């Protein structure tokens, strides 16, 4: 699995929002957030535009690294 640090997540709603945003990005499969680790974990199902993923997460108010 790939990982992406995401700052600003604090609750189940945050977790769900980031997972939902990530799932909409082409190439992202099975997105799972760990609130403890402040990470989004996902599998690549094809070519992935990492910047598009980061932008989608930023657009919902979180800070991807």
PDB file of N, CA and C in Angstrom:
ATOM      1  N   UNK A   1       0.833  -1.192   0.000  1.00  0.00           N
ATOM      2  CA  UNK A   1       0.000   0.000   0.000  1.00  0.00           C
ATOM      3  C   UNK A   1       0.875   1.252   0.000  1.00  0.00           C
ATOM      4  N   UNK A   2       0.391   2.259  -0.655  1.00  0.00           N
ATOM      5  CA  UNK A   2       1.041   3.570  -0.659  1.00  0.00           C
ATOM      6  C   UNK A   2       0.492   4.366   0.529  1.00  0.00           C
ATOM      7  N   UNK A   3       1.256   5.342   0.978  1.00  0.00           N
ATOM      8  CA  UNK A   3       0.785   6.196   2.064  1.00  0.00           C
ATOM      9  C   UNK A   3       1.006   7.657   1.709  1.00  0.00           C
ATOM     10  N   UNK A   4       0.151   8.495   2.283  1.00  0.00           N
ATOM     11  CA  UNK A   4       0.259   9.942   2.118  1.00  0.00           C
ATOM     12  C   UNK A   4      -0.080  10.565   3.461  1.00  0.00           C
ATOM     13  N   UNK A   5       0.831  11.357   4.011  1.00  0.00           N
ATOM     14  CA  UNK A   5       0.563  12.073   5.256  1.00  0.00           C
ATOM     15  C   UNK A   5      -0.509  13.123   4.999  1.00  0.00           C
ATOM     16  N   UNK A   6      -1.487  13.208   5.913  1.00  0.00           N
ATOM     17  CA  UNK A   6      -2.552  14.207   5.797  1.00  0.00           C
ATOM     18  C   UNK A   6      -2.737  14.835   7.172  1.00  0.00           C
ATOM     19  N   UNK A   7      -2.429  16.108   7.282  1.00  0.00           N
ATOM     20  CA  UNK A   7      -2.586  16.829   8.542  1.00  0.00           C
ATOM     21  C   UNK A   7      -3.982  17.438   8.647  1.00  0.00           C
ATOM     22  N   UNK A   8      -4.468  17.534   9.886  1.00  0.00           N
ATOM     23  CA  UNK A   8      -5.747  18.196  10.138  1.00  0.00           C
ATOM     24  C   UNK A   8      -6.910  17.253  10.391  1.00  0.00           C
ATOM     25  N   UNK A   9      -6.705  15.955  10.251  1.00  0.00           N
ATOM     26  CA  UNK A   9      -7.789  14.994  10.488  1.00  0.00           C
ATOM     27  C   UNK A   9      -7.873  14.701  11.987  1.00  0.00           C
ATOM     28  N   UNK A  10      -9.104  14.761  12.527  1.00  0.00           N
ATOM     29  CA  UNK A  10      -9.258  14.559  13.964  1.00  0.00           C
ATOM     30  C   UNK A  10     -10.387  13.612  14.355  1.00  0.00           C
ATOM     31  N   UNK A  11     -11.291  13.311  13.446  1.00  0.00           N
ATOM     32  CA  UNK A  11     -12.478  12.536  13.857  1.00  0.00           C
ATOM     33  C   UNK A  11     -12.944  11.619  12.728  1.00  0.00           C
ATOM     34  N   UNK A  12     -13.983  10.878  13.007  1.00  0.00           N
ATOM     35  CA  UNK A  12     -14.537   9.969  12.015  1.00  0.00           C
ATOM     36  C   UNK A  12     -15.057  10.684  10.780  1.00  0.00           C
ATOM     37  N   UNK A  13     -15.596  11.888  10.958  1.00  0.00           N
ATOM     38  CA  UNK A  13     -16.083  12.658   9.804  1.00  0.00           C
ATOM     39  C   UNK A  13     -14.914  13.036   8.903  1.00  0.00           C
ATOM     40  N   UNK A  14     -13.801  13.449   9.510  1.00  0.00           N
ATOM     41  CA  UNK A  14     -12.589  13.780   8.744  1.00  0.00           C
ATOM     42  C   UNK A  14     -12.128  12.554   7.949  1.00  0.00           C
ATOM     43  N   UNK A  15     -12.092  11.423   8.627  1.00  0.00           N
ATOM     44  CA  UNK A  15     -11.659  10.165   8.016  1.00  0.00           C
ATOM     45  C   UNK A  15     -12.521   9.853   6.795  1.00  0.00           C
ATOM     46  N   UNK A  16     -13.833   9.925   6.968  1.00  0.00           N
ATOM     47  CA  UNK A  16     -14.756   9.612   5.877  1.00  0.00           C
ATOM     48  C   UNK A  16     -14.601  10.586   4.714  1.00  0.00           C
ATOM     49  N   UNK A  17     -14.417  11.867   5.029  1.00  0.00           N
ATOM     50  CA  UNK A  17     -14.292  12.879   3.971  1.00  0.00           C
ATOM     51  C   UNK A  17     -13.038  12.648   3.129  1.00  0.00           C
ATOM     52  N   UNK A  18     -11.921  12.334   3.779  1.00  0.00           N
ATOM     53  CA  UNK A  18     -10.666  12.111   3.048  1.00  0.00           C
ATOM     54  C   UNK A  18     -10.758  10.825   2.225  1.00  0.00           C
ATOM     55  N   UNK A  19     -11.322   9.781   2.799  1.00  0.00           N
ATOM     56  CA  UNK A  19     -11.479   8.525   2.055  1.00  0.00           C
ATOM     57  C   UNK A  19     -12.374   8.714   0.831  1.00  0.00           C
ATOM     58  N   UNK A  20     -13.450   9.470   1.003  1.00  0.00           N
ATOM     59  CA  UNK A  20     -14.377   9.716  -0.112  1.00  0.00           C
ATOM     60  C   UNK A  20     -13.703  10.535  -1.213  1.00  0.00           C
ATOM     61  N   UNK A  21     -12.971  11.564  -0.828  1.00  0.00           N
ATOM     62  CA  UNK A  21     -12.279  12.398  -1.820  1.00  0.00           C
ATOM     63  C   UNK A  21     -11.231  11.573  -2.571  1.00  0.00           C
ATOM     64  N   UNK A  22     -10.486  10.748  -1.846  1.00  0.00           N
ATOM     65  CA  UNK A  22      -9.442   9.937  -2.474  1.00  0.00           C
ATOM     66  C   UNK A  22     -10.042   8.915  -3.433  1.00  0.00           C
ATOM     67  N   UNK A  23     -11.171   8.346  -3.068  1.00  0.00           N
ATOM     68  CA  UNK A  23     -11.803   7.309  -3.893  1.00  0.00           C
ATOM     69  C   UNK A  23     -12.229   7.844  -5.258  1.00  0.00           C
ATOM     70  N   UNK A  24     -12.429   9.149  -5.361  1.00  0.00           N
ATOM     71  CA  UNK A  24     -12.856   9.760  -6.624  1.00  0.00           C
ATOM     72  C   UNK A  24     -11.704   9.985  -7.597  1.00  0.00           C
ATOM     73  N   UNK A  25     -10.466   9.793  -7.127  1.00  0.00           N
ATOM     74  CA  UNK A  25      -9.294  10.046  -7.968  1.00  0.00           C
ATOM     75  C   UNK A  25      -8.943   8.776  -8.745  1.00  0.00           C
ATOM     76  N   UNK A  26      -8.799   8.925 -10.049  1.00  0.00           N
ATOM     77  CA  UNK A  26      -8.430   7.799 -10.902  1.00  0.00           C
ATOM     78  C   UNK A  26      -7.090   7.230 -10.455  1.00  0.00           C
ATOM     79  N   UNK A  27      -7.051   5.910 -10.307  1.00  0.00           N
ATOM     80  CA  UNK A  27      -5.825   5.242  -9.896  1.00  0.00           C
ATOM     81  C   UNK A  27      -5.766   4.919  -8.421  1.00  0.00           C
ATOM     82  N   UNK A  28      -6.716   5.440  -7.635  1.00  0.00           N
ATOM     83  CA  UNK A  28      -6.755   5.167  -6.196  1.00  0.00           C
ATOM     84  C   UNK A  28      -7.783   4.076  -5.926  1.00  0.00           C
ATOM     85  N   UNK A  29      -7.357   3.034  -5.204  1.00  0.00           N
ATOM     86  CA  UNK A  29      -8.258   1.950  -4.829  1.00  0.00           C
ATOM     87  C   UNK A  29      -8.133   1.708  -3.329  1.00  0.00           C
ATOM     88  N   UNK A  30      -9.248   1.377  -2.711  1.00  0.00           N
ATOM     89  CA  UNK A  30      -9.278   0.974  -1.310  1.00  0.00           C
ATOM     90  C   UNK A  30      -8.637   2.009  -0.371  1.00  0.00           C
ATOM     91  N   UNK A  31      -9.053   3.283  -0.442  1.00  0.00           N
ATOM     92  CA  UNK A  31      -8.460   4.283   0.452  1.00  0.00           C
ATOM     93  C   UNK A  31      -8.879   4.050   1.901  1.00  0.00           C
ATOM     94  N   UNK A  32      -7.920   4.111   2.801  1.00  0.00           N
ATOM     95  CA  UNK A  32      -8.168   3.923   4.228  1.00  0.00           C
ATOM     96  C   UNK A  32      -7.352   4.950   4.997  1.00  0.00           C
ATOM     97  N   UNK A  33      -8.017   5.652   5.921  1.00  0.00           N
ATOM     98  CA  UNK A  33      -7.346   6.657   6.734  1.00  0.00           C
ATOM     99  C   UNK A  33      -7.034   6.081   8.104  1.00  0.00           C
ATOM    100  N   UNK A  34      -5.832   6.358   8.581  1.00  0.00           N
ATOM    101  CA  UNK A  34      -5.446   6.082   9.964  1.00  0.00           C
ATOM    102  C   UNK A  34      -5.354   7.423  10.680  1.00  0.00           C
ATOM    103  N   UNK A  35      -6.309   7.680  11.584  1.00  0.00           N
ATOM    104  CA  UNK A  35      -6.268   8.931  12.333  1.00  0.00           C
ATOM    105  C   UNK A  35      -5.059   8.970  13.261  1.00  0.00           C
ATOM    106  N   UNK A  36      -4.704   7.831  13.841  1.00  0.00           N
ATOM    107  CA  UNK A  36      -3.547   7.767  14.745  1.00  0.00           C
ATOM    108  C   UNK A  36      -2.259   8.167  14.037  1.00  0.00           C
ATOM    109  N   UNK A  37      -2.075   7.644  12.819  1.00  0.00           N
ATOM    110  CA  UNK A  37      -0.850   7.904  12.065  1.00  0.00           C
ATOM    111  C   UNK A  37      -0.943   9.146  11.184  1.00  0.00           C
ATOM    112  N   UNK A  38      -2.148   9.736  11.101  1.00  0.00           N
ATOM    113  CA  UNK A  38      -2.398  10.890  10.217  1.00  0.00           C
ATOM    114  C   UNK A  38      -1.990  10.563   8.786  1.00  0.00           C
ATOM    115  N   UNK A  39      -2.462   9.392   8.315  1.00  0.00           N
ATOM    116  CA  UNK A  39      -2.096   8.910   6.988  1.00  0.00           C
ATOM    117  C   UNK A  39      -3.310   8.426   6.208  1.00  0.00           C
ATOM    118  N   UNK A  40      -3.217   8.622   4.907  1.00  0.00           N
ATOM    119  CA  UNK A  40      -4.116   7.974   3.966  1.00  0.00           C
ATOM    120  C   UNK A  40      -3.343   6.822   3.356  1.00  0.00           C
ATOM    121  N   UNK A  41      -3.904   5.622   3.423  1.00  0.00           N
ATOM    122  CA  UNK A  41      -3.278   4.452   2.805  1.00  0.00           C
ATOM    123  C   UNK A  41      -4.183   4.018   1.648  1.00  0.00           C
ATOM    124  N   UNK A  42      -3.564   3.650   0.542  1.00  0.00           N
ATOM    125  CA  UNK A  42      -4.352   3.261  -0.622  1.00  0.00           C
ATOM    126  C   UNK A  42      -3.522   2.372  -1.529  1.00  0.00           C
ATOM    127  N   UNK A  43      -4.231   1.679  -2.411  1.00  0.00           N
ATOM    128  CA  UNK A  43      -3.582   0.871  -3.441  1.00  0.00           C
ATOM    129  C   UNK A  43      -3.706   1.619  -4.760  1.00  0.00           C
ATOM    130  N   UNK A  44      -2.729   1.433  -5.618  1.00  0.00           N
ATOM    131  CA  UNK A  44      -2.809   2.016  -6.957  1.00  0.00           C
ATOM    132  C   UNK A  44      -3.468   1.020  -7.893  1.00  0.00           C
ATOM    133  N   UNK A  45      -4.556   1.443  -8.525  1.00  0.00           N
ATOM    134  CA  UNK A  45      -5.268   0.571  -9.462  1.00  0.00           C
ATOM    135  C   UNK A  45      -4.921   0.909 -10.906  1.00  0.00           C
ATOM    136  N   UNK A  46      -4.031   1.859 -11.089  1.00  0.00           N
ATOM    137  CA  UNK A  46      -3.625   2.294 -12.419  1.00  0.00           C
ATOM    138  C   UNK A  46      -2.767   3.535 -12.277  1.00  0.00           C
ATOM    139  N   UNK A  47      -2.527   4.234 -13.384  1.00  0.00           N
ATOM    140  CA  UNK A  47      -1.724   5.458 -13.315  1.00  0.00           C
ATOM    141  C   UNK A  47      -2.360   6.450 -12.336  1.00  0.00           C
ATOM    142  N   UNK A  48      -1.552   7.007 -11.469  1.00  0.00           N
ATOM    143  CA  UNK A  48      -2.043   7.911 -10.427  1.00  0.00           C
ATOM    144  C   UNK A  48      -1.414   9.283 -10.582  1.00  0.00           C
ATOM    145  N   UNK A  49      -2.251  10.310 -10.583  1.00  0.00           N
ATOM    146  CA  UNK A  49      -1.779  11.693 -10.574  1.00  0.00           C
ATOM    147  C   UNK A  49      -1.744  12.128  -9.110  1.00  0.00           C
ATOM    148  N   UNK A  50      -0.566  12.043  -8.492  1.00  0.00           N
ATOM    149  CA  UNK A  50      -0.433  12.352  -7.070  1.00  0.00           C
ATOM    150  C   UNK A  50      -0.852  13.785  -6.769  1.00  0.00           C
ATOM    151  N   UNK A  51      -0.557  14.701  -7.679  1.00  0.00           N
ATOM    152  CA  UNK A  51      -0.948  16.095  -7.447  1.00  0.00           C
ATOM    153  C   UNK A  51      -2.469  16.239  -7.427  1.00  0.00           C
ATOM    154  N   UNK A  52      -3.177  15.494  -8.258  1.00  0.00           N
ATOM    155  CA  UNK A  52      -4.647  15.533  -8.254  1.00  0.00           C
ATOM    156  C   UNK A  52      -5.188  15.020  -6.923  1.00  0.00           C
ATOM    157  N   UNK A  53      -4.559  13.992  -6.386  1.00  0.00           N
ATOM    158  CA  UNK A  53      -4.968  13.455  -5.087  1.00  0.00           C
ATOM    159  C   UNK A  53      -4.746  14.496  -3.992  1.00  0.00           C
ATOM    160  N   UNK A  54      -3.582  15.127  -3.989  1.00  0.00           N
ATOM    161  CA  UNK A  54      -3.289  16.148  -2.984  1.00  0.00           C
ATOM    162  C   UNK A  54      -4.240  17.336  -3.108  1.00  0.00           C
ATOM    163  N   UNK A  55      -4.554  17.727  -4.333  1.00  0.00           N
ATOM    164  CA  UNK A  55      -5.469  18.845  -4.557  1.00  0.00           C
ATOM    165  C   UNK A  55      -6.864  18.518  -4.047  1.00  0.00           C
ATOM    166  N   UNK A  56      -7.329  17.300  -4.316  1.00  0.00           N
ATOM    167  CA  UNK A  56      -8.657  16.884  -3.847  1.00  0.00           C
ATOM    168  C   UNK A  56      -8.733  16.937  -2.327  1.00  0.00           C
ATOM    169  N   UNK A  57      -7.673  16.531  -1.660  1.00  0.00           N
ATOM    170  CA  UNK A  57      -7.642  16.547  -0.192  1.00  0.00           C
ATOM    171  C   UNK A  57      -7.558  17.984   0.324  1.00  0.00           C
ATOM    172  N   UNK A  58      -6.760  18.802  -0.333  1.00  0.00           N
ATOM    173  CA  UNK A  58      -6.659  20.222   0.057  1.00  0.00           C
ATOM    174  C   UNK A  58      -7.993  20.925  -0.112  1.00  0.00           C
ATOM    175  N   UNK A  59      -8.710  20.587  -1.176  1.00  0.00           N
ATOM    176  CA  UNK A  59      -9.987  21.243  -1.469  1.00  0.00           C
ATOM    177  C   UNK A  59     -11.060  20.979  -0.411  1.00  0.00           C
ATOM    178  N   UNK A  60     -10.891  19.920   0.391  1.00  0.00           N
ATOM    179  CA  UNK A  60     -11.878  19.658   1.453  1.00  0.00           C
ATOM    180  C   UNK A  60     -11.345  20.103   2.818  1.00  0.00           C
ATOM    181  N   UNK A  61     -10.217  20.825   2.823  1.00  0.00           N
ATOM    182  CA  UNK A  61      -9.768  21.481   4.040  1.00  0.00           C
ATOM    183  C   UNK A  61      -8.661  20.799   4.823  1.00  0.00           C
ATOM    184  N   UNK A  62      -7.985  19.833   4.220  1.00  0.00           N
ATOM    185  CA  UNK A  62      -6.915  19.146   4.923  1.00  0.00           C
ATOM    186  C   UNK A  62      -5.581  19.438   4.233  1.00  0.00           C
ATOM    187  N   UNK A  63      -4.497  19.085   4.900  1.00  0.00           N
ATOM    188  CA  UNK A  63      -3.168  19.446   4.427  1.00  0.00           C
ATOM    189  C   UNK A  63      -2.334  18.211   4.110  1.00  0.00           C
ATOM    190  N   UNK A  64      -2.347  17.764   2.852  1.00  0.00           N
ATOM    191  CA  UNK A  64      -1.533  16.613   2.477  1.00  0.00           C
ATOM    192  C   UNK A  64      -0.062  17.008   2.307  1.00  0.00           C
ATOM    193  N   UNK A  65       0.839  16.113   2.681  1.00  0.00           N
ATOM    194  CA  UNK A  65       2.279  16.388   2.522  1.00  0.00           C
ATOM    195  C   UNK A  65       2.815  15.659   1.324  1.00  0.00           C
TER     196      UNK A  65
END
